[in-house]
Amino acid sequence: LEEQIVNHEGDIEPTISVLNGLVAMTRYCRFLLFGFEEDELDLG
């Protein structure tokens, strides 16, 4: 979703503002649902 925000061309729905909200909501769910443990790529 963040890649789509970077590459947003202005003629796709939803708008960047809405996409930012969806990214923020999904980030919240990432920690709410799956906790904080990560693989070694993130903690090396």
PDB file of all heavy atoms in Angstrom:
ATOM      1  N   LEU A   1       0.835  -1.204   0.000  1.00  0.00           N
ATOM      2  CA  LEU A   1       0.000   0.000   0.000  1.00  0.00           C
ATOM      3  C   LEU A   1       0.868   1.251   0.000  1.00  0.00           C
ATOM      4  O   LEU A   1       0.553   2.246  -0.673  1.00  0.00           O
ATOM      5  CB  LEU A   1      -0.929  -0.003   1.216  1.00  0.00           C
ATOM      6  CG  LEU A   1      -2.051  -1.044   1.230  1.00  0.00           C
ATOM      7  CD1 LEU A   1      -2.880  -0.908   2.504  1.00  0.00           C
ATOM      8  CD2 LEU A   1      -2.939  -0.916   0.004  1.00  0.00           C
ATOM      9  N   GLU A   2       1.963   1.224   0.756  1.00  0.00           N
ATOM     10  CA  GLU A   2       2.860   2.380   0.781  1.00  0.00           C
ATOM     11  C   GLU A   2       3.491   2.609  -0.585  1.00  0.00           C
ATOM     12  O   GLU A   2       3.722   3.760  -0.985  1.00  0.00           O
ATOM     13  CB  GLU A   2       3.935   2.177   1.849  1.00  0.00           C
ATOM     14  CG  GLU A   2       3.397   2.271   3.264  1.00  0.00           C
ATOM     15  CD  GLU A   2       4.441   1.961   4.319  1.00  0.00           C
ATOM     16  OE1 GLU A   2       5.404   1.217   4.016  1.00  0.00           O
ATOM     17  OE2 GLU A   2       4.306   2.456   5.451  1.00  0.00           O
ATOM     18  N   GLU A   3       3.776   1.525  -1.308  1.00  0.00           N
ATOM     19  CA  GLU A   3       4.325   1.671  -2.660  1.00  0.00           C
ATOM     20  C   GLU A   3       3.319   2.364  -3.575  1.00  0.00           C
ATOM     21  O   GLU A   3       3.683   3.202  -4.402  1.00  0.00           O
ATOM     22  CB  GLU A   3       4.690   0.302  -3.234  1.00  0.00           C
ATOM     23  CG  GLU A   3       5.301   0.385  -4.630  1.00  0.00           C
ATOM     24  CD  GLU A   3       5.623  -0.976  -5.203  1.00  0.00           C
ATOM     25  OE1 GLU A   3       5.363  -1.986  -4.523  1.00  0.00           O
ATOM     26  OE2 GLU A   3       6.118  -1.027  -6.338  1.00  0.00           O
ATOM     27  N   GLN A   4       2.051   2.044  -3.410  1.00  0.00           N
ATOM     28  CA  GLN A   4       1.035   2.700  -4.218  1.00  0.00           C
ATOM     29  C   GLN A   4       0.939   4.190  -3.885  1.00  0.00           C
ATOM     30  O   GLN A   4       0.687   5.008  -4.764  1.00  0.00           O
ATOM     31  CB  GLN A   4      -0.327   2.026  -4.005  1.00  0.00           C
ATOM     32  CG  GLN A   4      -0.410   0.606  -4.526  1.00  0.00           C
ATOM     33  CD  GLN A   4      -0.163   0.509  -6.017  1.00  0.00           C
ATOM     34  OE1 GLN A   4      -0.399   1.460  -6.754  1.00  0.00           O
ATOM     35  NE2 GLN A   4       0.333  -0.636  -6.457  1.00  0.00           N
ATOM     36  N   ILE A   5       1.160   4.536  -2.622  1.00  0.00           N
ATOM     37  CA  ILE A   5       1.154   5.953  -2.245  1.00  0.00           C
ATOM     38  C   ILE A   5       2.301   6.673  -2.936  1.00  0.00           C
ATOM     39  O   ILE A   5       2.145   7.774  -3.479  1.00  0.00           O
ATOM     40  CB  ILE A   5       1.259   6.101  -0.713  1.00  0.00           C
ATOM     41  CG1 ILE A   5      -0.022   5.569  -0.048  1.00  0.00           C
ATOM     42  CG2 ILE A   5       1.488   7.558  -0.324  1.00  0.00           C
ATOM     43  CD1 ILE A   5       0.048   5.512   1.466  1.00  0.00           C
ATOM     44  N   VAL A   6       3.484   6.043  -2.939  1.00  0.00           N
ATOM     45  CA  VAL A   6       4.656   6.650  -3.581  1.00  0.00           C
ATOM     46  C   VAL A   6       4.425   6.813  -5.079  1.00  0.00           C
ATOM     47  O   VAL A   6       4.775   7.829  -5.678  1.00  0.00           O
ATOM     48  CB  VAL A   6       5.915   5.790  -3.324  1.00  0.00           C
ATOM     49  CG1 VAL A   6       7.082   6.293  -4.153  1.00  0.00           C
ATOM     50  CG2 VAL A   6       6.270   5.803  -1.844  1.00  0.00           C
ATOM     51  N   ASN A   7       3.833   5.790  -5.705  1.00  0.00           N
ATOM     52  CA  ASN A   7       3.671   5.781  -7.157  1.00  0.00           C
ATOM     53  C   ASN A   7       2.316   6.309  -7.609  1.00  0.00           C
ATOM     54  O   ASN A   7       1.971   6.177  -8.775  1.00  0.00           O
ATOM     55  CB  ASN A   7       3.830   4.347  -7.689  1.00  0.00           C
ATOM     56  CG  ASN A   7       5.241   3.828  -7.499  1.00  0.00           C
ATOM     57  OD1 ASN A   7       6.192   4.592  -7.519  1.00  0.00           O
ATOM     58  ND2 ASN A   7       5.379   2.532  -7.291  1.00  0.00           N
ATOM     59  N   HIS A   8       1.565   6.903  -6.682  1.00  0.00           N
ATOM     60  CA  HIS A   8       0.203   7.326  -6.990  1.00  0.00           C
ATOM     61  C   HIS A   8       0.199   8.278  -8.170  1.00  0.00           C
ATOM     62  O   HIS A   8       0.965   9.232  -8.220  1.00  0.00           O
ATOM     63  CB  HIS A   8      -0.415   8.014  -5.775  1.00  0.00           C
ATOM     64  CG  HIS A   8      -1.902   8.094  -5.835  1.00  0.00           C
ATOM     65  ND1 HIS A   8      -2.702   6.990  -5.744  1.00  0.00           N
ATOM     66  CD2 HIS A   8      -2.737   9.148  -5.981  1.00  0.00           C
ATOM     67  CE1 HIS A   8      -3.975   7.359  -5.802  1.00  0.00           C
ATOM     68  NE2 HIS A   8      -4.020   8.664  -5.952  1.00  0.00           N
ATOM     69  N   GLU A   9      -0.685   8.027  -9.130  1.00  0.00           N
ATOM     70  CA  GLU A   9      -0.700   8.813 -10.356  1.00  0.00           C
ATOM     71  C   GLU A   9      -1.833   9.827 -10.406  1.00  0.00           C
ATOM     72  O   GLU A   9      -1.971  10.562 -11.374  1.00  0.00           O
ATOM     73  CB  GLU A   9      -0.802   7.879 -11.564  1.00  0.00           C
ATOM     74  CG  GLU A   9       0.382   6.933 -11.668  1.00  0.00           C
ATOM     75  CD  GLU A   9       0.316   6.073 -12.906  1.00  0.00           C
ATOM     76  OE1 GLU A   9      -0.638   6.233 -13.688  1.00  0.00           O
ATOM     77  OE2 GLU A   9       1.212   5.259 -13.092  1.00  0.00           O
ATOM     78  N   GLY A  10      -2.682   9.858  -9.401  1.00  0.00           N
ATOM     79  CA  GLY A  10      -3.717  10.875  -9.357  1.00  0.00           C
ATOM     80  C   GLY A  10      -5.039  10.466  -9.976  1.00  0.00           C
ATOM     81  O   GLY A  10      -6.036  11.170  -9.833  1.00  0.00           O
ATOM     82  N   ASP A  11      -5.092   9.321 -10.704  1.00  0.00           N
ATOM     83  CA  ASP A  11      -6.337   8.927 -11.334  1.00  0.00           C
ATOM     84  C   ASP A  11      -6.853   7.594 -10.803  1.00  0.00           C
ATOM     85  O   ASP A  11      -7.647   6.917 -11.419  1.00  0.00           O
ATOM     86  CB  ASP A  11      -6.164   8.839 -12.858  1.00  0.00           C
ATOM     87  CG  ASP A  11      -5.057   7.876 -13.260  1.00  0.00           C
ATOM     88  OD1 ASP A  11      -4.348   7.407 -12.366  1.00  0.00           O
ATOM     89  OD2 ASP A  11      -4.915   7.610 -14.470  1.00  0.00           O
ATOM     90  N   ILE A  12      -6.362   7.176  -9.644  1.00  0.00           N
ATOM     91  CA  ILE A  12      -6.806   5.934  -9.025  1.00  0.00           C
ATOM     92  C   ILE A  12      -7.508   6.266  -7.718  1.00  0.00           C
ATOM     93  O   ILE A  12      -7.110   7.159  -6.987  1.00  0.00           O
ATOM     94  CB  ILE A  12      -5.613   5.003  -8.726  1.00  0.00           C
ATOM     95  CG1 ILE A  12      -4.791   4.771  -9.985  1.00  0.00           C
ATOM     96  CG2 ILE A  12      -6.097   3.668  -8.178  1.00  0.00           C
ATOM     97  CD1 ILE A  12      -3.571   3.898  -9.747  1.00  0.00           C
ATOM     98  N   GLU A  13      -8.576   5.547  -7.462  1.00  0.00           N
ATOM     99  CA  GLU A  13      -9.219   5.623  -6.155  1.00  0.00           C
ATOM    100  C   GLU A  13      -8.762   4.426  -5.326  1.00  0.00           C
ATOM    101  O   GLU A  13      -8.511   3.361  -5.871  1.00  0.00           O
ATOM    102  CB  GLU A  13     -10.739   5.595  -6.323  1.00  0.00           C
ATOM    103  CG  GLU A  13     -11.305   6.839  -6.987  1.00  0.00           C
ATOM    104  CD  GLU A  13     -11.132   8.089  -6.141  1.00  0.00           C
ATOM    105  OE1 GLU A  13     -11.009   7.955  -4.898  1.00  0.00           O
ATOM    106  OE2 GLU A  13     -11.106   9.184  -6.713  1.00  0.00           O
ATOM    107  N   PRO A  14      -8.635   4.550  -4.016  1.00  0.00           N
ATOM    108  CA  PRO A  14      -8.915   5.741  -3.215  1.00  0.00           C
ATOM    109  C   PRO A  14      -7.786   6.769  -3.278  1.00  0.00           C
ATOM    110  O   PRO A  14      -6.712   6.484  -3.788  1.00  0.00           O
ATOM    111  CB  PRO A  14      -9.052   5.173  -1.795  1.00  0.00           C
ATOM    112  CG  PRO A  14      -8.144   3.985  -1.809  1.00  0.00           C
ATOM    113  CD  PRO A  14      -8.250   3.401  -3.177  1.00  0.00           C
ATOM    114  N   THR A  15      -8.048   7.932  -2.722  1.00  0.00           N
ATOM    115  CA  THR A  15      -7.058   9.006  -2.723  1.00  0.00           C
ATOM    116  C   THR A  15      -5.916   8.680  -1.766  1.00  0.00           C
ATOM    117  O   THR A  15      -5.998   7.746  -0.958  1.00  0.00           O
ATOM    118  CB  THR A  15      -7.713  10.325  -2.297  1.00  0.00           C
ATOM    119  OG1 THR A  15      -8.171  10.187  -0.937  1.00  0.00           O
ATOM    120  CG2 THR A  15      -8.895  10.669  -3.189  1.00  0.00           C
ATOM    121  N   ILE A  16      -4.854   9.474  -1.858  1.00  0.00           N
ATOM    122  CA  ILE A  16      -3.694   9.248  -0.999  1.00  0.00           C
ATOM    123  C   ILE A  16      -4.082   9.378   0.475  1.00  0.00           C
ATOM    124  O   ILE A  16      -3.608   8.617   1.320  1.00  0.00           O
ATOM    125  CB  ILE A  16      -2.566  10.238  -1.350  1.00  0.00           C
ATOM    126  CG1 ILE A  16      -2.040   9.943  -2.755  1.00  0.00           C
ATOM    127  CG2 ILE A  16      -1.431  10.139  -0.340  1.00  0.00           C
ATOM    128  CD1 ILE A  16      -0.934  10.874  -3.199  1.00  0.00           C
ATOM    129  N   SER A  17      -4.951  10.339   0.787  1.00  0.00           N
ATOM    130  CA  SER A  17      -5.369  10.514   2.186  1.00  0.00           C
ATOM    131  C   SER A  17      -6.038   9.260   2.720  1.00  0.00           C
ATOM    132  O   SER A  17      -5.764   8.814   3.847  1.00  0.00           O
ATOM    133  CB  SER A  17      -6.324  11.710   2.304  1.00  0.00           C
ATOM    134  OG  SER A  17      -5.671  12.912   1.976  1.00  0.00           O
ATOM    135  N   VAL A  18      -6.918   8.670   1.916  1.00  0.00           N
ATOM    136  CA  VAL A  18      -7.598   7.450   2.344  1.00  0.00           C
ATOM    137  C   VAL A  18      -6.599   6.302   2.451  1.00  0.00           C
ATOM    138  O   VAL A  18      -6.643   5.506   3.406  1.00  0.00           O
ATOM    139  CB  VAL A  18      -8.732   7.104   1.366  1.00  0.00           C
ATOM    140  CG1 VAL A  18      -9.348   5.750   1.714  1.00  0.00           C
ATOM    141  CG2 VAL A  18      -9.799   8.190   1.393  1.00  0.00           C
ATOM    142  N   LEU A  19      -5.686   6.201   1.490  1.00  0.00           N
ATOM    143  CA  LEU A  19      -4.673   5.151   1.541  1.00  0.00           C
ATOM    144  C   LEU A  19      -3.833   5.262   2.806  1.00  0.00           C
ATOM    145  O   LEU A  19      -3.501   4.255   3.441  1.00  0.00           O
ATOM    146  CB  LEU A  19      -3.767   5.219   0.309  1.00  0.00           C
ATOM    147  CG  LEU A  19      -4.322   4.614  -0.979  1.00  0.00           C
ATOM    148  CD1 LEU A  19      -3.349   4.852  -2.130  1.00  0.00           C
ATOM    149  CD2 LEU A  19      -4.581   3.128  -0.819  1.00  0.00           C
ATOM    150  N   ASN A  20      -3.481   6.476   3.184  1.00  0.00           N
ATOM    151  CA  ASN A  20      -2.715   6.669   4.420  1.00  0.00           C
ATOM    152  C   ASN A  20      -3.490   6.154   5.625  1.00  0.00           C
ATOM    153  O   ASN A  20      -2.917   5.558   6.547  1.00  0.00           O
ATOM    154  CB  ASN A  20      -2.366   8.147   4.607  1.00  0.00           C
ATOM    155  CG  ASN A  20      -1.177   8.583   3.784  1.00  0.00           C
ATOM    156  OD1 ASN A  20      -0.229   7.816   3.618  1.00  0.00           O
ATOM    157  ND2 ASN A  20      -1.203   9.787   3.262  1.00  0.00           N
ATOM    158  N   GLY A  21      -4.796   6.384   5.631  1.00  0.00           N
ATOM    159  CA  GLY A  21      -5.621   5.877   6.719  1.00  0.00           C
ATOM    160  C   GLY A  21      -5.667   4.359   6.742  1.00  0.00           C
ATOM    161  O   GLY A  21      -5.587   3.733   7.803  1.00  0.00           O
ATOM    162  N   LEU A  22      -5.772   3.746   5.569  1.00  0.00           N
ATOM    163  CA  LEU A  22      -5.807   2.291   5.492  1.00  0.00           C
ATOM    164  C   LEU A  22      -4.472   1.683   5.910  1.00  0.00           C
ATOM    165  O   LEU A  22      -4.433   0.626   6.547  1.00  0.00           O
ATOM    166  CB  LEU A  22      -6.171   1.859   4.070  1.00  0.00           C
ATOM    167  CG  LEU A  22      -7.580   2.267   3.604  1.00  0.00           C
ATOM    168  CD1 LEU A  22      -7.763   1.952   2.129  1.00  0.00           C
ATOM    169  CD2 LEU A  22      -8.643   1.568   4.438  1.00  0.00           C
ATOM    170  N   VAL A  23      -3.370   2.340   5.549  1.00  0.00           N
ATOM    171  CA  VAL A  23      -2.044   1.868   5.984  1.00  0.00           C
ATOM    172  C   VAL A  23      -1.940   1.937   7.502  1.00  0.00           C
ATOM    173  O   VAL A  23      -1.473   0.997   8.156  1.00  0.00           O
ATOM    174  CB  VAL A  23      -0.931   2.709   5.328  1.00  0.00           C
ATOM    175  CG1 VAL A  23       0.412   2.440   6.009  1.00  0.00           C
ATOM    176  CG2 VAL A  23      -0.826   2.384   3.843  1.00  0.00           C
ATOM    177  N   ALA A  24      -2.385   3.053   8.077  1.00  0.00           N
ATOM    178  CA  ALA A  24      -2.317   3.217   9.534  1.00  0.00           C
ATOM    179  C   ALA A  24      -3.167   2.158  10.238  1.00  0.00           C
ATOM    180  O   ALA A  24      -2.744   1.578  11.247  1.00  0.00           O
ATOM    181  CB  ALA A  24      -2.785   4.620   9.924  1.00  0.00           C
ATOM    182  N   MET A  25      -4.356   1.874   9.702  1.00  0.00           N
ATOM    183  CA  MET A  25      -5.227   0.868  10.302  1.00  0.00           C
ATOM    184  C   MET A  25      -4.606  -0.523  10.204  1.00  0.00           C
ATOM    185  O   MET A  25      -4.644  -1.307  11.169  1.00  0.00           O
ATOM    186  CB  MET A  25      -6.584   0.880   9.595  1.00  0.00           C
ATOM    187  CG  MET A  25      -7.587  -0.113  10.154  1.00  0.00           C
ATOM    188  SD  MET A  25      -9.200   0.030   9.362  1.00  0.00           S
ATOM    189  CE  MET A  25      -8.825  -0.663   7.747  1.00  0.00           C
ATOM    190  N   THR A  26      -4.022  -0.849   9.053  1.00  0.00           N
ATOM    191  CA  THR A  26      -3.408  -2.164   8.876  1.00  0.00           C
ATOM    192  C   THR A  26      -2.170  -2.311   9.755  1.00  0.00           C
ATOM    193  O   THR A  26      -1.893  -3.401  10.272  1.00  0.00           O
ATOM    194  CB  THR A  26      -3.055  -2.380   7.394  1.00  0.00           C
ATOM    195  OG1 THR A  26      -4.233  -2.199   6.603  1.00  0.00           O
ATOM    196  CG2 THR A  26      -2.505  -3.771   7.154  1.00  0.00           C
ATOM    197  N   ARG A  27      -1.438  -1.236   9.957  1.00  0.00           N
ATOM    198  CA  ARG A  27      -0.277  -1.293  10.856  1.00  0.00           C
ATOM    199  C   ARG A  27      -0.741  -1.574  12.292  1.00  0.00           C
ATOM    200  O   ARG A  27      -0.096  -2.339  13.023  1.00  0.00           O
ATOM    201  CB  ARG A  27       0.508   0.014  10.790  1.00  0.00           C
ATOM    202  CG  ARG A  27       1.764   0.000  11.660  1.00  0.00           C
ATOM    203  CD  ARG A  27       2.535   1.297  11.565  1.00  0.00           C
ATOM    204  NE  ARG A  27       3.134   1.472  10.255  1.00  0.00           N
ATOM    205  CZ  ARG A  27       2.777   2.413   9.390  1.00  0.00           C
ATOM    206  NH1 ARG A  27       1.818   3.274   9.699  1.00  0.00           N
ATOM    207  NH2 ARG A  27       3.370   2.514   8.219  1.00  0.00           N
ATOM    208  N   TYR A  28      -1.838  -0.966  12.683  1.00  0.00           N
ATOM    209  CA  TYR A  28      -2.400  -1.242  14.011  1.00  0.00           C
ATOM    210  C   TYR A  28      -2.756  -2.725  14.133  1.00  0.00           C
ATOM    211  O   TYR A  28      -2.441  -3.378  15.143  1.00  0.00           O
ATOM    212  CB  TYR A  28      -3.632  -0.368  14.235  1.00  0.00           C
ATOM    213  CG  TYR A  28      -4.462  -0.770  15.429  1.00  0.00           C
ATOM    214  CD1 TYR A  28      -3.999  -0.571  16.729  1.00  0.00           C
ATOM    215  CD2 TYR A  28      -5.716  -1.357  15.261  1.00  0.00           C
ATOM    216  CE1 TYR A  28      -4.759  -0.946  17.825  1.00  0.00           C
ATOM    217  CE2 TYR A  28      -6.487  -1.728  16.348  1.00  0.00           C
ATOM    218  CZ  TYR A  28      -6.002  -1.521  17.628  1.00  0.00           C
ATOM    219  OH  TYR A  28      -6.757  -1.898  18.712  1.00  0.00           O
ATOM    220  N   CYS A  29      -3.404  -3.262  13.098  1.00  0.00           N
ATOM    221  CA  CYS A  29      -3.798  -4.675  13.135  1.00  0.00           C
ATOM    222  C   CYS A  29      -2.592  -5.595  13.134  1.00  0.00           C
ATOM    223  O   CYS A  29      -2.638  -6.684  13.722  1.00  0.00           O
ATOM    224  CB  CYS A  29      -4.693  -4.993  11.931  1.00  0.00           C
ATOM    225  SG  CYS A  29      -6.307  -4.196  12.001  1.00  0.00           S
ATOM    226  N   ARG A  30      -1.517  -5.161  12.500  1.00  0.00           N
ATOM    227  CA  ARG A  30      -0.303  -5.985  12.473  1.00  0.00           C
ATOM    228  C   ARG A  30       0.168  -6.300  13.894  1.00  0.00           C
ATOM    229  O   ARG A  30       0.560  -7.423  14.210  1.00  0.00           O
ATOM    230  CB  ARG A  30       0.783  -5.266  11.673  1.00  0.00           C
ATOM    231  CG  ARG A  30       2.123  -6.008  11.622  1.00  0.00           C
ATOM    232  CD  ARG A  30       3.117  -5.266  12.520  1.00  0.00           C
ATOM    233  NE  ARG A  30       4.385  -5.955  12.567  1.00  0.00           N
ATOM    234  CZ  ARG A  30       4.675  -6.947  13.374  1.00  0.00           C
ATOM    235  NH1 ARG A  30       3.756  -7.425  14.194  1.00  0.00           N
ATOM    236  NH2 ARG A  30       5.872  -7.493  13.393  1.00  0.00           N
ATOM    237  N   PHE A  31       0.129  -5.315  14.783  1.00  0.00           N
ATOM    238  CA  PHE A  31       0.590  -5.535  16.161  1.00  0.00           C
ATOM    239  C   PHE A  31      -0.520  -6.082  17.052  1.00  0.00           C
ATOM    240  O   PHE A  31      -0.250  -6.875  17.950  1.00  0.00           O
ATOM    241  CB  PHE A  31       1.149  -4.228  16.727  1.00  0.00           C
ATOM    242  CG  PHE A  31       2.389  -3.772  16.023  1.00  0.00           C
ATOM    243  CD1 PHE A  31       2.353  -2.719  15.130  1.00  0.00           C
ATOM    244  CD2 PHE A  31       3.587  -4.432  16.203  1.00  0.00           C
ATOM    245  CE1 PHE A  31       3.481  -2.315  14.453  1.00  0.00           C
ATOM    246  CE2 PHE A  31       4.729  -4.042  15.527  1.00  0.00           C
ATOM    247  CZ  PHE A  31       4.674  -2.980  14.651  1.00  0.00           C
ATOM    248  N   LEU A  32      -1.745  -5.675  16.794  1.00  0.00           N
ATOM    249  CA  LEU A  32      -2.863  -6.188  17.593  1.00  0.00           C
ATOM    250  C   LEU A  32      -3.034  -7.686  17.388  1.00  0.00           C
ATOM    251  O   LEU A  32      -3.229  -8.437  18.355  1.00  0.00           O
ATOM    252  CB  LEU A  32      -4.151  -5.459  17.196  1.00  0.00           C
ATOM    253  CG  LEU A  32      -5.434  -5.968  17.860  1.00  0.00           C
ATOM    254  CD1 LEU A  32      -5.448  -5.572  19.331  1.00  0.00           C
ATOM    255  CD2 LEU A  32      -6.658  -5.417  17.139  1.00  0.00           C
ATOM    256  N   LEU A  33      -2.922  -8.142  16.153  1.00  0.00           N
ATOM    257  CA  LEU A  33      -3.235  -9.530  15.821  1.00  0.00           C
ATOM    258  C   LEU A  33      -2.033 -10.457  15.881  1.00  0.00           C
ATOM    259  O   LEU A  33      -2.179 -11.648  16.184  1.00  0.00           O
ATOM    260  CB  LEU A  33      -3.861  -9.606  14.422  1.00  0.00           C
ATOM    261  CG  LEU A  33      -5.121  -8.768  14.193  1.00  0.00           C
ATOM    262  CD1 LEU A  33      -5.589  -8.909  12.759  1.00  0.00           C
ATOM    263  CD2 LEU A  33      -6.223  -9.159  15.171  1.00  0.00           C
ATOM    264  N   PHE A  34      -0.840  -9.936  15.585  1.00  0.00           N
ATOM    265  CA  PHE A  34       0.316 -10.822  15.421  1.00  0.00           C
ATOM    266  C   PHE A  34       1.468 -10.545  16.385  1.00  0.00           C
ATOM    267  O   PHE A  34       2.512 -11.192  16.294  1.00  0.00           O
ATOM    268  CB  PHE A  34       0.822 -10.748  13.977  1.00  0.00           C
ATOM    269  CG  PHE A  34      -0.249 -11.015  12.957  1.00  0.00           C
ATOM    270  CD1 PHE A  34      -0.638 -10.029  12.069  1.00  0.00           C
ATOM    271  CD2 PHE A  34      -0.896 -12.237  12.915  1.00  0.00           C
ATOM    272  CE1 PHE A  34      -1.636 -10.260  11.131  1.00  0.00           C
ATOM    273  CE2 PHE A  34      -1.895 -12.487  11.988  1.00  0.00           C
ATOM    274  CZ  PHE A  34      -2.266 -11.489  11.090  1.00  0.00           C
ATOM    275  N   GLY A  35       1.290  -9.580  17.280  1.00  0.00           N
ATOM    276  CA  GLY A  35       2.314  -9.354  18.291  1.00  0.00           C
ATOM    277  C   GLY A  35       3.558  -8.669  17.754  1.00  0.00           C
ATOM    278  O   GLY A  35       3.538  -8.034  16.703  1.00  0.00           O
ATOM    279  N   PHE A  36       4.669  -8.849  18.479  1.00  0.00           N
ATOM    280  CA  PHE A  36       5.874  -8.069  18.217  1.00  0.00           C
ATOM    281  C   PHE A  36       7.083  -8.894  17.830  1.00  0.00           C
ATOM    282  O   PHE A  36       8.161  -8.344  17.612  1.00  0.00           O
ATOM    283  CB  PHE A  36       6.224  -7.230  19.457  1.00  0.00           C
ATOM    284  CG  PHE A  36       5.271  -6.105  19.685  1.00  0.00           C
ATOM    285  CD1 PHE A  36       4.041  -6.322  20.276  1.00  0.00           C
ATOM    286  CD2 PHE A  36       5.587  -4.825  19.284  1.00  0.00           C
ATOM    287  CE1 PHE A  36       3.141  -5.292  20.477  1.00  0.00           C
ATOM    288  CE2 PHE A  36       4.701  -3.779  19.475  1.00  0.00           C
ATOM    289  CZ  PHE A  36       3.476  -4.015  20.078  1.00  0.00           C
ATOM    290  N   GLU A  37       6.959 -10.191  17.795  1.00  0.00           N
ATOM    291  CA  GLU A  37       8.116 -11.000  17.434  1.00  0.00           C
ATOM    292  C   GLU A  37       8.359 -10.898  15.934  1.00  0.00           C
ATOM    293  O   GLU A  37       7.432 -10.939  15.132  1.00  0.00           O
ATOM    294  CB  GLU A  37       7.899 -12.461  17.830  1.00  0.00           C
ATOM    295  CG  GLU A  37       7.710 -12.650  19.320  1.00  0.00           C
ATOM    296  CD  GLU A  37       8.837 -12.040  20.141  1.00  0.00           C
ATOM    297  OE1 GLU A  37      10.001 -12.173  19.729  1.00  0.00           O
ATOM    298  OE2 GLU A  37       8.557 -11.421  21.178  1.00  0.00           O
ATOM    299  N   GLU A  38       9.633 -10.794  15.562  1.00  0.00           N
ATOM    300  CA  GLU A  38       9.999 -10.626  14.157  1.00  0.00           C
ATOM    301  C   GLU A  38      11.050 -11.636  13.768  1.00  0.00           C
ATOM    302  O   GLU A  38      11.680 -12.271  14.616  1.00  0.00           O
ATOM    303  CB  GLU A  38      10.549  -9.209  13.919  1.00  0.00           C
ATOM    304  CG  GLU A  38       9.467  -8.144  13.940  1.00  0.00           C
ATOM    305  CD  GLU A  38       8.713  -8.061  12.630  1.00  0.00           C
ATOM    306  OE1 GLU A  38       9.275  -8.461  11.591  1.00  0.00           O
ATOM    307  OE2 GLU A  38       7.560  -7.616  12.641  1.00  0.00           O
ATOM    308  N   ASP A  39      11.272 -11.775  12.463  1.00  0.00           N
ATOM    309  CA  ASP A  39      12.321 -12.690  12.005  1.00  0.00           C
ATOM    310  C   ASP A  39      13.673 -12.005  12.083  1.00  0.00           C
ATOM    311  O   ASP A  39      13.785 -10.806  12.333  1.00  0.00           O
ATOM    312  CB  ASP A  39      12.044 -13.174  10.580  1.00  0.00           C
ATOM    313  CG  ASP A  39      11.852 -12.013   9.615  1.00  0.00           C
ATOM    314  OD1 ASP A  39      12.728 -11.138   9.595  1.00  0.00           O
ATOM    315  OD2 ASP A  39      10.844 -11.999   8.892  1.00  0.00           O
ATOM    316  N   GLU A  40      14.733 -12.769  11.830  1.00  0.00           N
ATOM    317  CA  GLU A  40      16.089 -12.257  12.012  1.00  0.00           C
ATOM    318  C   GLU A  40      16.447 -11.161  11.034  1.00  0.00           C
ATOM    319  O   GLU A  40      17.365 -10.375  11.278  1.00  0.00           O
ATOM    320  CB  GLU A  40      17.092 -13.395  11.879  1.00  0.00           C
ATOM    321  CG  GLU A  40      17.081 -14.067  10.507  1.00  0.00           C
ATOM    322  CD  GLU A  40      18.028 -15.244  10.447  1.00  0.00           C
ATOM    323  OE1 GLU A  40      18.272 -15.872  11.488  1.00  0.00           O
ATOM    324  OE2 GLU A  40      18.518 -15.525   9.355  1.00  0.00           O
ATOM    325  N   LEU A  41      15.716 -11.056   9.924  1.00  0.00           N
ATOM    326  CA  LEU A  41      16.004  -9.988   8.978  1.00  0.00           C
ATOM    327  C   LEU A  41      15.763  -8.630   9.604  1.00  0.00           C
ATOM    328  O   LEU A  41      16.408  -7.651   9.245  1.00  0.00           O
ATOM    329  CB  LEU A  41      15.139 -10.139   7.725  1.00  0.00           C
ATOM    330  CG  LEU A  41      15.447 -11.329   6.819  1.00  0.00           C
ATOM    331  CD1 LEU A  41      14.496 -11.347   5.638  1.00  0.00           C
ATOM    332  CD2 LEU A  41      16.883 -11.270   6.329  1.00  0.00           C
ATOM    333  N   ASP A  42      14.822  -8.561  10.549  1.00  0.00           N
ATOM    334  CA  ASP A  42      14.499  -7.294  11.180  1.00  0.00           C
ATOM    335  C   ASP A  42      15.308  -7.040  12.445  1.00  0.00           C
ATOM    336  O   ASP A  42      15.442  -5.912  12.879  1.00  0.00           O
ATOM    337  CB  ASP A  42      13.014  -7.245  11.538  1.00  0.00           C
ATOM    338  CG  ASP A  42      12.137  -7.238  10.304  1.00  0.00           C
ATOM    339  OD1 ASP A  42      12.283  -6.306   9.506  1.00  0.00           O
ATOM    340  OD2 ASP A  42      11.350  -8.172  10.137  1.00  0.00           O
ATOM    341  N   LEU A  43      15.836  -8.125  13.036  1.00  0.00           N
ATOM    342  CA  LEU A  43      16.489  -7.957  14.331  1.00  0.00           C
ATOM    343  C   LEU A  43      17.980  -8.242  14.276  1.00  0.00           C
ATOM    344  O   LEU A  43      18.639  -8.296  15.294  1.00  0.00           O
ATOM    345  CB  LEU A  43      15.835  -8.891  15.359  1.00  0.00           C
ATOM    346  CG  LEU A  43      14.331  -8.684  15.548  1.00  0.00           C
ATOM    347  CD1 LEU A  43      13.797  -9.649  16.572  1.00  0.00           C
ATOM    348  CD2 LEU A  43      14.037  -7.256  15.942  1.00  0.00           C
ATOM    349  N   GLY A  44      18.534  -8.419  13.110  1.00  0.00           N
ATOM    350  CA  GLY A  44      19.960  -8.709  12.997  1.00  0.00           C
ATOM    351  C   GLY A  44      20.796  -7.467  13.146  1.00  0.00           C
ATOM    352  O   GLY A  44      20.359  -6.437  13.649  1.00  0.00           O
TER     353      GLY A  44
END
